Amino acid sequence: MDDNGQRFVTPAPRGGHLPDAGPGQGGGVVSAAPLTPPLVIAHRGYSSVAPENTLAAFEAALRCGADMVETDAHPTVDGSAVLIHDEVVDATTAGRGRVADLPAGELARLDAGSWFSPAYSGQRVPLLADLLDLIAEHAGAQLLLELKGRWSAAQVAAALTDVRRAGAVEQVVVQSFETSTLAHVQEVAPEVRRAVLLDAPAPDALAQGRALRRDLGVLACNPSVASLVARPGAVAELHAAGLQVWSWTVDEPVLWRALTEAGVDGVITNRPDGLRGWTEALAGVPGEPADLVLAAASQGGRARAATDARPARAGGR
């Protein structure tokens, strides 16, 4: 446990290889060899083969061996936490309107799968509680929960009540770009692990990391891939501050290698299958028999990407 009351726990990879806590956890420097495979963190579930932030995408991510499932949460008008990326439902459901203006019951009736493929018609916008139930069915699974935007203390408390009720405190890390939201998490549920999202580390990443640990008790600092490719030395600075580093959103093997060489502890990706295979090859772990359903879906999804004109969606993390 650190001096802010949080236990620094690295989720054990479900692929069979346990990475070290990180080259900087004890204040050391990044070693060139051997490389430590990063955690595989599935961005919005297995979002390259199933509609993002649906139970189908989360189940697929867990089946393909992701160490963590990442998702986005917004509060509804009646105080529930629902899993959807945008502030509005228009891009990924059959409905219209702002999430904050809609009750959970109405959101749960929206089709959140047909925009991706007719095969996923009937997938719904899940509640946080729905995903926690799924996580509980998969031994060792972990959840990286992003609270989108600024949440009030009451909204944070309601979401974390779901986490406590599910007995999932040990399996959840809450992250946000908003330091005020993370401060509320620290206030209402100090036992829940926390991480801060960044577009880029500050010029003095060591001082920044120390301040984040001191003020918010975070265990990880999660910058964009572009910022770390431009300045890989920031990883060692954040490690020296006692933080893990989980970068977003990274889908290309050349970038997986660059980040692994820089020493990141986790990689958030839309391709958890590809990253899992890459990390196992790096670690010399024999691959398990392929899940042919997922492999076929993945291949089909990538083929469609070249020809399909899918509805425009809001970008960003």
C-alpha atoms as a PDB file:
ATOM      1  CA  MET A   1       0.000   0.000   0.000  1.00  0.00           C
ATOM      2  CA  ASP A   2       1.341   3.456  -0.846  1.00  0.00           C
ATOM      3  CA  ASP A   3       1.251   6.572   1.290  1.00  0.00           C
ATOM      4  CA  ASN A   4      -2.074   7.591  -0.281  1.00  0.00           C
ATOM      5  CA  GLY A   5      -3.836   4.432   0.883  1.00  0.00           C
ATOM      6  CA  GLN A   6      -3.949   2.626  -2.472  1.00  0.00           C
ATOM      7  CA  ARG A   7      -2.525  -0.783  -3.112  1.00  0.00           C
ATOM      8  CA  PHE A   8      -0.369  -0.883  -6.234  1.00  0.00           C
ATOM      9  CA  VAL A   9      -1.670  -4.054  -7.894  1.00  0.00           C
ATOM     10  CA  THR A  10      -0.715  -5.046 -11.419  1.00  0.00           C
ATOM     11  CA  PRO A  11      -3.432  -7.319 -12.831  1.00  0.00           C
ATOM     12  CA  ALA A  12      -2.008 -10.748 -13.669  1.00  0.00           C
ATOM     13  CA  PRO A  13      -2.179 -11.268 -17.438  1.00  0.00           C
ATOM     14  CA  ARG A  14      -4.688 -13.927 -18.391  1.00  0.00           C
ATOM     15  CA  GLY A  15      -2.376 -15.194 -21.151  1.00  0.00           C
ATOM     16  CA  GLY A  16      -0.085 -16.838 -18.628  1.00  0.00           C
ATOM     17  CA  HIS A  17       2.781 -14.354 -18.262  1.00  0.00           C
ATOM     18  CA  LEU A  18       3.099 -12.068 -15.264  1.00  0.00           C
ATOM     19  CA  PRO A  19       4.855  -8.778 -16.071  1.00  0.00           C
ATOM     20  CA  ASP A  20       6.981  -6.970 -13.549  1.00  0.00           C
ATOM     21  CA  ALA A  21       5.384  -3.983 -11.819  1.00  0.00           C
ATOM     22  CA  GLY A  22       7.392  -1.702 -14.099  1.00  0.00           C
ATOM     23  CA  PRO A  23      11.028  -0.678 -14.410  1.00  0.00           C
ATOM     24  CA  GLY A  24      10.473   2.556 -12.526  1.00  0.00           C
ATOM     25  CA  GLN A  25       8.401   1.357  -9.590  1.00  0.00           C
ATOM     26  CA  GLY A  26      11.504   1.347  -7.460  1.00  0.00           C
ATOM     27  CA  GLY A  27      12.964   4.456  -9.083  1.00  0.00           C
ATOM     28  CA  GLY A  28      15.110   2.555 -11.608  1.00  0.00           C
ATOM     29  CA  VAL A  29      15.601   3.095 -15.315  1.00  0.00           C
ATOM     30  CA  VAL A  30      14.228   1.290 -18.343  1.00  0.00           C
ATOM     31  CA  SER A  31      16.342  -1.656 -19.390  1.00  0.00           C
ATOM     32  CA  ALA A  32      16.799  -2.375 -23.085  1.00  0.00           C
ATOM     33  CA  ALA A  33      16.502  -6.149 -22.600  1.00  0.00           C
ATOM     34  CA  PRO A  34      14.667  -8.260 -21.894  1.00  0.00           C
ATOM     35  CA  LEU A  35      11.411  -6.564 -22.797  1.00  0.00           C
ATOM     36  CA  THR A  36       8.481  -7.033 -20.431  1.00  0.00           C
ATOM     37  CA  PRO A  37       5.182  -7.580 -22.282  1.00  0.00           C
ATOM     38  CA  PRO A  38       2.584  -4.959 -21.354  1.00  0.00           C
ATOM     39  CA  LEU A  39      -0.903  -5.622 -20.098  1.00  0.00           C
ATOM     40  CA  VAL A  40      -3.458  -6.094 -22.874  1.00  0.00           C
ATOM     41  CA  ILE A  41      -6.298  -3.615 -22.287  1.00  0.00           C
ATOM     42  CA  ALA A  42      -9.282  -3.957 -24.634  1.00  0.00           C
ATOM     43  CA  HIS A  43     -10.530  -0.508 -25.699  1.00  0.00           C
ATOM     44  CA  ARG A  44     -14.333  -0.352 -25.357  1.00  0.00           C
ATOM     45  CA  GLY A  45     -14.211  -4.150 -25.361  1.00  0.00           C
ATOM     46  CA  TYR A  46     -13.112  -6.018 -28.480  1.00  0.00           C
ATOM     47  CA  SER A  47     -14.327  -3.082 -30.529  1.00  0.00           C
ATOM     48  CA  SER A  48     -12.824  -4.163 -33.848  1.00  0.00           C
ATOM     49  CA  VAL A  49     -15.113  -7.223 -34.059  1.00  0.00           C
ATOM     50  CA  ALA A  50     -18.203  -6.202 -32.070  1.00  0.00           C
ATOM     51  CA  PRO A  51     -20.034  -2.931 -31.408  1.00  0.00           C
ATOM     52  CA  GLU A  52     -18.086  -0.886 -28.869  1.00  0.00           C
ATOM     53  CA  ASN A  53     -19.194  -0.755 -25.249  1.00  0.00           C
ATOM     54  CA  THR A  54     -21.698  -3.604 -25.586  1.00  0.00           C
ATOM     55  CA  LEU A  55     -21.782  -6.873 -23.690  1.00  0.00           C
ATOM     56  CA  ALA A  56     -20.887  -8.651 -26.943  1.00  0.00           C
ATOM     57  CA  ALA A  57     -17.683  -6.617 -27.235  1.00  0.00           C
ATOM     58  CA  PHE A  58     -16.802  -7.140 -23.573  1.00  0.00           C
ATOM     59  CA  GLU A  59     -17.402 -10.890 -23.751  1.00  0.00           C
ATOM     60  CA  ALA A  60     -15.286 -11.135 -26.916  1.00  0.00           C
ATOM     61  CA  ALA A  61     -12.458  -9.237 -25.241  1.00  0.00           C
ATOM     62  CA  LEU A  62     -12.441 -11.558 -22.256  1.00  0.00           C
ATOM     63  CA  ARG A  63     -12.597 -14.647 -24.452  1.00  0.00           C
ATOM     64  CA  CYS A  64      -9.576 -13.554 -26.488  1.00  0.00           C
ATOM     65  CA  GLY A  65      -7.442 -13.145 -23.366  1.00  0.00           C
ATOM     66  CA  ALA A  66      -7.426  -9.425 -22.602  1.00  0.00           C
ATOM     67  CA  ASP A  67      -6.055  -8.631 -19.143  1.00  0.00           C
ATOM     68  CA  MET A  68      -8.412  -5.687 -18.714  1.00  0.00           C
ATOM     69  CA  VAL A  69     -11.556  -4.441 -20.385  1.00  0.00           C
ATOM     70  CA  GLU A  70     -11.754  -0.665 -20.819  1.00  0.00           C
ATOM     71  CA  THR A  71     -15.068   1.151 -21.073  1.00  0.00           C
ATOM     72  CA  ASP A  72     -16.639   4.616 -20.874  1.00  0.00           C
ATOM     73  CA  ALA A  73     -19.367   5.621 -18.443  1.00  0.00           C
ATOM     74  CA  HIS A  74     -21.810   8.525 -18.351  1.00  0.00           C
ATOM     75  CA  PRO A  75     -24.398   9.280 -15.659  1.00  0.00           C
ATOM     76  CA  THR A  76     -28.067   9.204 -16.664  1.00  0.00           C
ATOM     77  CA  VAL A  77     -30.692  11.698 -15.589  1.00  0.00           C
ATOM     78  CA  ASP A  78     -31.867   9.280 -12.888  1.00  0.00           C
ATOM     79  CA  GLY A  79     -28.391   8.601 -11.485  1.00  0.00           C
ATOM     80  CA  SER A  80     -27.362   5.314 -13.102  1.00  0.00           C
ATOM     81  CA  ALA A  81     -24.014   4.746 -14.825  1.00  0.00           C
ATOM     82  CA  VAL A  82     -24.379   3.585 -18.433  1.00  0.00           C
ATOM     83  CA  LEU A  83     -21.613   2.463 -20.778  1.00  0.00           C
ATOM     84  CA  ILE A  84     -21.331   4.587 -23.912  1.00  0.00           C
ATOM     85  CA  HIS A  85     -18.544   6.781 -25.267  1.00  0.00           C
ATOM     86  CA  ASP A  86     -20.285   9.893 -26.541  1.00  0.00           C
ATOM     87  CA  GLU A  87     -22.331  12.449 -24.628  1.00  0.00           C
ATOM     88  CA  VAL A  88     -25.142  11.769 -27.102  1.00  0.00           C
ATOM     89  CA  VAL A  89     -26.583   8.431 -28.179  1.00  0.00           C
ATOM     90  CA  ASP A  90     -26.960   9.283 -31.866  1.00  0.00           C
ATOM     91  CA  ALA A  91     -23.772   7.692 -33.262  1.00  0.00           C
ATOM     92  CA  THR A  92     -23.961   4.189 -31.788  1.00  0.00           C
ATOM     93  CA  THR A  93     -27.662   3.595 -31.108  1.00  0.00           C
ATOM     94  CA  ALA A  94     -30.990   3.930 -32.870  1.00  0.00           C
ATOM     95  CA  GLY A  95     -31.946   6.817 -30.580  1.00  0.00           C
ATOM     96  CA  ARG A  96     -31.234  10.504 -30.282  1.00  0.00           C
ATOM     97  CA  GLY A  97     -30.423  12.827 -27.422  1.00  0.00           C
ATOM     98  CA  ARG A  98     -27.988  13.463 -24.597  1.00  0.00           C
ATOM     99  CA  VAL A  99     -27.241  10.626 -22.207  1.00  0.00           C
ATOM    100  CA  ALA A 100     -27.544  13.037 -19.272  1.00  0.00           C
ATOM    101  CA  ASP A 101     -31.139  13.843 -20.279  1.00  0.00           C
ATOM    102  CA  LEU A 102     -32.328  10.240 -20.570  1.00  0.00           C
ATOM    103  CA  PRO A 103     -33.338   7.713 -17.883  1.00  0.00           C
ATOM    104  CA  ALA A 104     -31.536   4.381 -17.680  1.00  0.00           C
ATOM    105  CA  GLY A 105     -34.654   2.445 -18.643  1.00  0.00           C
ATOM    106  CA  GLU A 106     -35.038   4.319 -21.917  1.00  0.00           C
ATOM    107  CA  LEU A 107     -31.344   3.920 -22.740  1.00  0.00           C
ATOM    108  CA  ALA A 108     -31.542   0.183 -22.062  1.00  0.00           C
ATOM    109  CA  ARG A 109     -34.172  -0.183 -24.782  1.00  0.00           C
ATOM    110  CA  LEU A 110     -32.011   1.371 -27.506  1.00  0.00           C
ATOM    111  CA  ASP A 111     -30.443  -0.838 -30.181  1.00  0.00           C
ATOM    112  CA  ALA A 112     -26.674  -0.335 -29.812  1.00  0.00           C
ATOM    113  CA  GLY A 113     -25.525  -2.986 -32.288  1.00  0.00           C
ATOM    114  CA  SER A 114     -27.145  -2.508 -35.689  1.00  0.00           C
ATOM    115  CA  TRP A 115     -24.916   0.466 -36.624  1.00  0.00           C
ATOM    116  CA  PHE A 116     -21.967  -1.950 -36.543  1.00  0.00           C
ATOM    117  CA  SER A 117     -23.575  -4.960 -38.224  1.00  0.00           C
ATOM    118  CA  PRO A 118     -27.073  -6.443 -38.575  1.00  0.00           C
ATOM    119  CA  ALA A 119     -25.682  -9.502 -36.776  1.00  0.00           C
ATOM    120  CA  TYR A 120     -25.533  -7.425 -33.588  1.00  0.00           C
ATOM    121  CA  SER A 121     -29.070  -6.090 -33.789  1.00  0.00           C
ATOM    122  CA  GLY A 122     -30.556  -6.156 -30.319  1.00  0.00           C
ATOM    123  CA  GLN A 123     -27.376  -5.369 -28.406  1.00  0.00           C
ATOM    124  CA  ARG A 124     -28.272  -2.736 -25.806  1.00  0.00           C
ATOM    125  CA  VAL A 125     -26.578   0.095 -23.966  1.00  0.00           C
ATOM    126  CA  PRO A 126     -25.417  -1.702 -20.824  1.00  0.00           C
ATOM    127  CA  LEU A 127     -25.487  -0.482 -17.277  1.00  0.00           C
ATOM    128  CA  LEU A 128     -22.231  -0.581 -15.327  1.00  0.00           C
ATOM    129  CA  ALA A 129     -23.876  -3.246 -13.173  1.00  0.00           C
ATOM    130  CA  ASP A 130     -24.341  -5.455 -16.259  1.00  0.00           C
ATOM    131  CA  LEU A 131     -20.620  -5.375 -17.053  1.00  0.00           C
ATOM    132  CA  LEU A 132     -19.682  -6.032 -13.424  1.00  0.00           C
ATOM    133  CA  ASP A 133     -21.816  -9.179 -13.546  1.00  0.00           C
ATOM    134  CA  LEU A 134     -19.945 -10.295 -16.668  1.00  0.00           C
ATOM    135  CA  ILE A 135     -16.534  -9.533 -15.150  1.00  0.00           C
ATOM    136  CA  ALA A 136     -17.451 -11.678 -12.147  1.00  0.00           C
ATOM    137  CA  GLU A 137     -17.874 -14.679 -14.473  1.00  0.00           C
ATOM    138  CA  HIS A 138     -14.248 -14.465 -15.695  1.00  0.00           C
ATOM    139  CA  ALA A 139     -11.570 -15.295 -13.120  1.00  0.00           C
ATOM    140  CA  GLY A 140      -8.774 -12.742 -13.090  1.00  0.00           C
ATOM    141  CA  ALA A 141     -10.573 -10.233 -15.324  1.00  0.00           C
ATOM    142  CA  GLN A 142     -10.104  -6.548 -14.565  1.00  0.00           C
ATOM    143  CA  LEU A 143     -12.063  -3.435 -15.539  1.00  0.00           C
ATOM    144  CA  LEU A 144     -10.615  -0.053 -16.492  1.00  0.00           C
ATOM    145  CA  LEU A 145     -13.581   2.283 -16.057  1.00  0.00           C
ATOM    146  CA  GLU A 146     -13.365   5.771 -17.564  1.00  0.00           C
ATOM    147  CA  LEU A 147     -15.738   8.310 -16.081  1.00  0.00           C
ATOM    148  CA  LYS A 148     -16.371  10.672 -18.982  1.00  0.00           C
ATOM    149  CA  GLY A 149     -16.461  14.371 -18.219  1.00  0.00           C
ATOM    150  CA  ARG A 150     -17.092  15.922 -14.826  1.00  0.00           C
ATOM    151  CA  TRP A 151     -19.042  13.836 -12.344  1.00  0.00           C
ATOM    152  CA  SER A 152     -20.489  15.151  -9.103  1.00  0.00           C
ATOM    153  CA  ALA A 153     -19.669  13.454  -5.805  1.00  0.00           C
ATOM    154  CA  ALA A 154     -23.193  11.995  -5.731  1.00  0.00           C
ATOM    155  CA  GLN A 155     -22.858  10.565  -9.256  1.00  0.00           C
ATOM    156  CA  VAL A 156     -19.487   9.031  -8.397  1.00  0.00           C
ATOM    157  CA  ALA A 157     -20.877   7.563  -5.197  1.00  0.00           C
ATOM    158  CA  ALA A 158     -23.769   5.920  -7.058  1.00  0.00           C
ATOM    159  CA  ALA A 159     -21.439   4.292  -9.602  1.00  0.00           C
ATOM    160  CA  LEU A 160     -19.047   3.040  -6.957  1.00  0.00           C
ATOM    161  CA  THR A 161     -21.948   1.653  -4.949  1.00  0.00           C
ATOM    162  CA  ASP A 162     -22.487  -0.663  -7.930  1.00  0.00           C
ATOM    163  CA  VAL A 163     -18.814  -1.675  -7.754  1.00  0.00           C
ATOM    164  CA  ARG A 164     -19.007  -2.404  -4.029  1.00  0.00           C
ATOM    165  CA  ARG A 165     -22.319  -4.249  -4.348  1.00  0.00           C
ATOM    166  CA  ALA A 166     -20.771  -6.513  -6.990  1.00  0.00           C
ATOM    167  CA  GLY A 167     -17.781  -7.215  -4.746  1.00  0.00           C
ATOM    168  CA  ALA A 168     -15.558  -5.899  -7.541  1.00  0.00           C
ATOM    169  CA  VAL A 169     -13.390  -3.328  -5.744  1.00  0.00           C
ATOM    170  CA  GLU A 170     -10.327  -5.523  -6.335  1.00  0.00           C
ATOM    171  CA  GLN A 171     -11.097  -5.753 -10.065  1.00  0.00           C
ATOM    172  CA  VAL A 172     -11.790  -2.118 -10.959  1.00  0.00           C
ATOM    173  CA  VAL A 173      -9.531   0.833 -11.769  1.00  0.00           C
ATOM    174  CA  VAL A 174     -11.304   4.173 -12.328  1.00  0.00           C
ATOM    175  CA  GLN A 175      -9.697   6.629 -14.736  1.00  0.00           C
ATOM    176  CA  SER A 176     -10.592  10.105 -15.977  1.00  0.00           C
ATOM    177  CA  PHE A 177      -9.160  13.163 -17.663  1.00  0.00           C
ATOM    178  CA  GLU A 178     -10.957  15.253 -15.045  1.00  0.00           C
ATOM    179  CA  THR A 179      -9.004  15.656 -11.818  1.00  0.00           C
ATOM    180  CA  SER A 180     -12.141  16.882 -10.021  1.00  0.00           C
ATOM    181  CA  THR A 181     -13.860  13.586 -10.834  1.00  0.00           C
ATOM    182  CA  LEU A 182     -10.878  11.598  -9.553  1.00  0.00           C
ATOM    183  CA  ALA A 183     -10.886  13.710  -6.385  1.00  0.00           C
ATOM    184  CA  HIS A 184     -14.489  12.657  -5.795  1.00  0.00           C
ATOM    185  CA  VAL A 185     -13.513   9.000  -6.275  1.00  0.00           C
ATOM    186  CA  GLN A 186     -10.760   9.470  -3.711  1.00  0.00           C
ATOM    187  CA  GLU A 187     -13.194  11.081  -1.285  1.00  0.00           C
ATOM    188  CA  VAL A 188     -16.102   8.650  -1.516  1.00  0.00           C
ATOM    189  CA  ALA A 189     -14.221   5.385  -2.169  1.00  0.00           C
ATOM    190  CA  PRO A 190     -10.520   5.694  -1.336  1.00  0.00           C
ATOM    191  CA  GLU A 191     -10.120   1.925  -1.605  1.00  0.00           C
ATOM    192  CA  VAL A 192     -10.914   1.999  -5.347  1.00  0.00           C
ATOM    193  CA  ARG A 193      -7.792   2.259  -7.492  1.00  0.00           C
ATOM    194  CA  ARG A 194      -7.446   5.340  -9.664  1.00  0.00           C
ATOM    195  CA  ALA A 195      -5.607   6.422 -12.819  1.00  0.00           C
ATOM    196  CA  VAL A 196      -5.365   9.739 -14.641  1.00  0.00           C
ATOM    197  CA  LEU A 197      -5.701  10.145 -18.401  1.00  0.00           C
ATOM    198  CA  LEU A 198      -3.474  12.662 -20.184  1.00  0.00           C
ATOM    199  CA  ASP A 199      -3.142  13.856 -23.734  1.00  0.00           C
ATOM    200  CA  ALA A 200       0.582  14.227 -23.008  1.00  0.00           C
ATOM    201  CA  PRO A 201       2.872  14.287 -19.963  1.00  0.00           C
ATOM    202  CA  ALA A 202       4.125  17.656 -18.757  1.00  0.00           C
ATOM    203  CA  PRO A 203       7.675  18.745 -19.691  1.00  0.00           C
ATOM    204  CA  ASP A 204       8.690  17.741 -16.165  1.00  0.00           C
ATOM    205  CA  ALA A 205       6.864  14.415 -16.046  1.00  0.00           C
ATOM    206  CA  LEU A 206       8.615  13.378 -12.836  1.00  0.00           C
ATOM    207  CA  ALA A 207       7.281  16.380 -10.912  1.00  0.00           C
ATOM    208  CA  GLN A 208       3.880  15.967 -12.522  1.00  0.00           C
ATOM    209  CA  GLY A 209       3.732  12.290 -11.565  1.00  0.00           C
ATOM    210  CA  ARG A 210       4.713  12.994  -7.973  1.00  0.00           C
ATOM    211  CA  ALA A 211       2.030  15.669  -7.710  1.00  0.00           C
ATOM    212  CA  LEU A 212      -0.633  13.345  -9.121  1.00  0.00           C
ATOM    213  CA  ARG A 213       0.278  10.627  -6.636  1.00  0.00           C
ATOM    214  CA  ARG A 214       0.313  13.093  -3.767  1.00  0.00           C
ATOM    215  CA  ASP A 215      -2.915  14.894  -4.605  1.00  0.00           C
ATOM    216  CA  LEU A 216      -5.072  12.146  -6.136  1.00  0.00           C
ATOM    217  CA  GLY A 217      -3.432   8.904  -5.007  1.00  0.00           C
ATOM    218  CA  VAL A 218      -3.369   7.543  -8.561  1.00  0.00           C
ATOM    219  CA  LEU A 219      -1.486   4.349  -9.406  1.00  0.00           C
ATOM    220  CA  ALA A 220      -1.169   4.992 -13.157  1.00  0.00           C
ATOM    221  CA  CYS A 221      -0.784   7.841 -15.598  1.00  0.00           C
ATOM    222  CA  ASN A 222      -2.197   7.083 -19.043  1.00  0.00           C
ATOM    223  CA  PRO A 223      -0.958   9.327 -21.881  1.00  0.00           C
ATOM    224  CA  SER A 224      -1.669   9.112 -25.610  1.00  0.00           C
ATOM    225  CA  VAL A 225       0.532   6.967 -27.843  1.00  0.00           C
ATOM    226  CA  ALA A 226       1.520  10.008 -29.893  1.00  0.00           C
ATOM    227  CA  SER A 227       2.921  11.773 -26.851  1.00  0.00           C
ATOM    228  CA  LEU A 228       5.023   8.786 -25.794  1.00  0.00           C
ATOM    229  CA  VAL A 229       6.332   8.071 -29.283  1.00  0.00           C
ATOM    230  CA  ALA A 230       7.442  11.705 -29.441  1.00  0.00           C
ATOM    231  CA  ARG A 231       8.971  11.523 -25.961  1.00  0.00           C
ATOM    232  CA  PRO A 232       9.583   7.956 -24.781  1.00  0.00           C
ATOM    233  CA  GLY A 233      11.749   9.127 -21.887  1.00  0.00           C
ATOM    234  CA  ALA A 234       8.609  10.365 -20.128  1.00  0.00           C
ATOM    235  CA  VAL A 235       7.787   6.732 -19.272  1.00  0.00           C
ATOM    236  CA  ALA A 236      10.901   6.423 -17.097  1.00  0.00           C
ATOM    237  CA  GLU A 237      10.095   9.744 -15.418  1.00  0.00           C
ATOM    238  CA  LEU A 238       6.583   8.612 -14.541  1.00  0.00           C
ATOM    239  CA  HIS A 239       7.942   5.286 -13.303  1.00  0.00           C
ATOM    240  CA  ALA A 240      10.418   7.165 -11.110  1.00  0.00           C
ATOM    241  CA  ALA A 241       7.410   8.992  -9.613  1.00  0.00           C
ATOM    242  CA  GLY A 242       5.988   5.591  -8.641  1.00  0.00           C
ATOM    243  CA  LEU A 243       3.373   5.395 -11.392  1.00  0.00           C
ATOM    244  CA  GLN A 244       2.520   2.777 -13.955  1.00  0.00           C
ATOM    245  CA  VAL A 245       1.960   3.914 -17.552  1.00  0.00           C
ATOM    246  CA  TRP A 246      -0.873   2.578 -19.731  1.00  0.00           C
ATOM    247  CA  SER A 247      -0.953   4.205 -23.169  1.00  0.00           C
ATOM    248  CA  TRP A 248      -3.944   4.728 -25.488  1.00  0.00           C
ATOM    249  CA  THR A 249      -5.092   3.820 -28.178  1.00  0.00           C
ATOM    250  CA  VAL A 250      -2.583   1.593 -30.000  1.00  0.00           C
ATOM    251  CA  ASP A 251      -3.382  -0.867 -32.798  1.00  0.00           C
ATOM    252  CA  GLU A 252      -0.156  -1.301 -34.817  1.00  0.00           C
ATOM    253  CA  PRO A 253       2.666  -3.752 -33.978  1.00  0.00           C
ATOM    254  CA  VAL A 254       5.342  -1.158 -34.723  1.00  0.00           C
ATOM    255  CA  LEU A 255       3.819   1.037 -32.020  1.00  0.00           C
ATOM    256  CA  TRP A 256       3.397  -1.887 -29.611  1.00  0.00           C
ATOM    257  CA  ARG A 257       7.141  -2.478 -29.895  1.00  0.00           C
ATOM    258  CA  ALA A 258       8.038   1.199 -29.532  1.00  0.00           C
ATOM    259  CA  LEU A 259       5.960   1.511 -26.363  1.00  0.00           C
ATOM    260  CA  THR A 260       7.230  -1.767 -24.936  1.00  0.00           C
ATOM    261  CA  GLU A 261      10.804  -0.648 -25.537  1.00  0.00           C
ATOM    262  CA  ALA A 262       9.961   2.599 -23.733  1.00  0.00           C
ATOM    263  CA  GLY A 263       8.774   0.503 -20.774  1.00  0.00           C
ATOM    264  CA  VAL A 264       5.000   1.029 -20.666  1.00  0.00           C
ATOM    265  CA  ASP A 265       3.089  -1.268 -18.321  1.00  0.00           C
ATOM    266  CA  GLY A 266      -0.109  -1.515 -20.362  1.00  0.00           C
ATOM    267  CA  VAL A 267      -1.419  -0.857 -23.864  1.00  0.00           C
ATOM    268  CA  ILE A 268      -5.033   0.099 -24.577  1.00  0.00           C
ATOM    269  CA  THR A 269      -5.999  -1.285 -27.992  1.00  0.00           C
ATOM    270  CA  ASN A 270      -8.918  -2.009 -30.297  1.00  0.00           C
ATOM    271  CA  ARG A 271      -7.083  -5.234 -31.266  1.00  0.00           C
ATOM    272  CA  PRO A 272      -6.626  -7.225 -28.066  1.00  0.00           C
ATOM    273  CA  ASP A 273      -6.294 -10.433 -30.083  1.00  0.00           C
ATOM    274  CA  GLY A 274      -3.348  -9.089 -32.069  1.00  0.00           C
ATOM    275  CA  LEU A 275      -1.658  -7.568 -29.039  1.00  0.00           C
ATOM    276  CA  ARG A 276      -2.145 -10.769 -26.995  1.00  0.00           C
ATOM    277  CA  GLY A 277      -0.462 -12.813 -29.742  1.00  0.00           C
ATOM    278  CA  TRP A 278       2.334 -10.262 -30.026  1.00  0.00           C
ATOM    279  CA  THR A 279       3.011 -10.266 -26.273  1.00  0.00           C
ATOM    280  CA  GLU A 280       3.016 -14.068 -26.148  1.00  0.00           C
ATOM    281  CA  ALA A 281       5.531 -14.195 -28.980  1.00  0.00           C
ATOM    282  CA  LEU A 282       7.651 -11.631 -27.159  1.00  0.00           C
ATOM    283  CA  ALA A 283       7.530 -13.650 -23.946  1.00  0.00           C
ATOM    284  CA  GLY A 284       8.012 -17.004 -25.661  1.00  0.00           C
ATOM    285  CA  VAL A 285       4.675 -18.302 -24.379  1.00  0.00           C
ATOM    286  CA  PRO A 286       3.100 -21.000 -26.591  1.00  0.00           C
ATOM    287  CA  GLY A 287      -0.187 -19.805 -28.034  1.00  0.00           C
ATOM    288  CA  GLU A 288      -3.417 -21.493 -27.039  1.00  0.00           C
ATOM    289  CA  PRO A 289      -5.710 -22.974 -29.707  1.00  0.00           C
ATOM    290  CA  ALA A 290      -7.328 -20.152 -31.645  1.00  0.00           C
ATOM    291  CA  ASP A 291     -10.938 -19.231 -31.084  1.00  0.00           C
ATOM    292  CA  LEU A 292     -12.094 -19.668 -34.677  1.00  0.00           C
ATOM    293  CA  VAL A 293     -15.272 -17.660 -34.184  1.00  0.00           C
ATOM    294  CA  LEU A 294     -13.314 -14.640 -32.997  1.00  0.00           C
ATOM    295  CA  ALA A 295     -10.644 -15.096 -35.655  1.00  0.00           C
ATOM    296  CA  ALA A 296     -13.215 -15.199 -38.432  1.00  0.00           C
ATOM    297  CA  ALA A 297     -15.080 -12.212 -37.035  1.00  0.00           C
ATOM    298  CA  SER A 298     -11.825 -10.269 -36.790  1.00  0.00           C
ATOM    299  CA  GLN A 299     -10.856 -11.042 -40.373  1.00  0.00           C
ATOM    300  CA  GLY A 300     -14.317 -10.164 -41.636  1.00  0.00           C
ATOM    301  CA  GLY A 301     -14.379  -6.928 -39.677  1.00  0.00           C
ATOM    302  CA  ARG A 302     -11.092  -5.782 -41.142  1.00  0.00           C
ATOM    303  CA  ALA A 303     -12.201  -6.685 -44.653  1.00  0.00           C
ATOM    304  CA  ARG A 304     -15.421  -4.687 -44.200  1.00  0.00           C
ATOM    305  CA  ALA A 305     -13.495  -1.672 -42.955  1.00  0.00           C
ATOM    306  CA  ALA A 306     -12.053  -1.138 -46.419  1.00  0.00           C
ATOM    307  CA  THR A 307     -15.451  -1.019 -48.113  1.00  0.00           C
ATOM    308  CA  ASP A 308     -18.141  -0.132 -45.607  1.00  0.00           C
ATOM    309  CA  ALA A 309     -19.246   3.442 -45.071  1.00  0.00           C
ATOM    310  CA  ARG A 310     -20.206   3.309 -41.445  1.00  0.00           C
ATOM    311  CA  PRO A 311     -21.969   6.204 -39.706  1.00  0.00           C
ATOM    312  CA  ALA A 312     -19.659   8.958 -38.553  1.00  0.00           C
ATOM    313  CA  ARG A 313     -18.877   8.810 -34.870  1.00  0.00           C
ATOM    314  CA  ALA A 314     -17.222  11.204 -32.483  1.00  0.00           C
ATOM    315  CA  GLY A 315     -13.487  10.576 -32.306  1.00  0.00           C
ATOM    316  CA  GLY A 316     -11.036  10.725 -29.446  1.00  0.00           C
ATOM    317  CA  ARG A 317     -10.288   8.438 -26.565  1.00  0.00           C
END
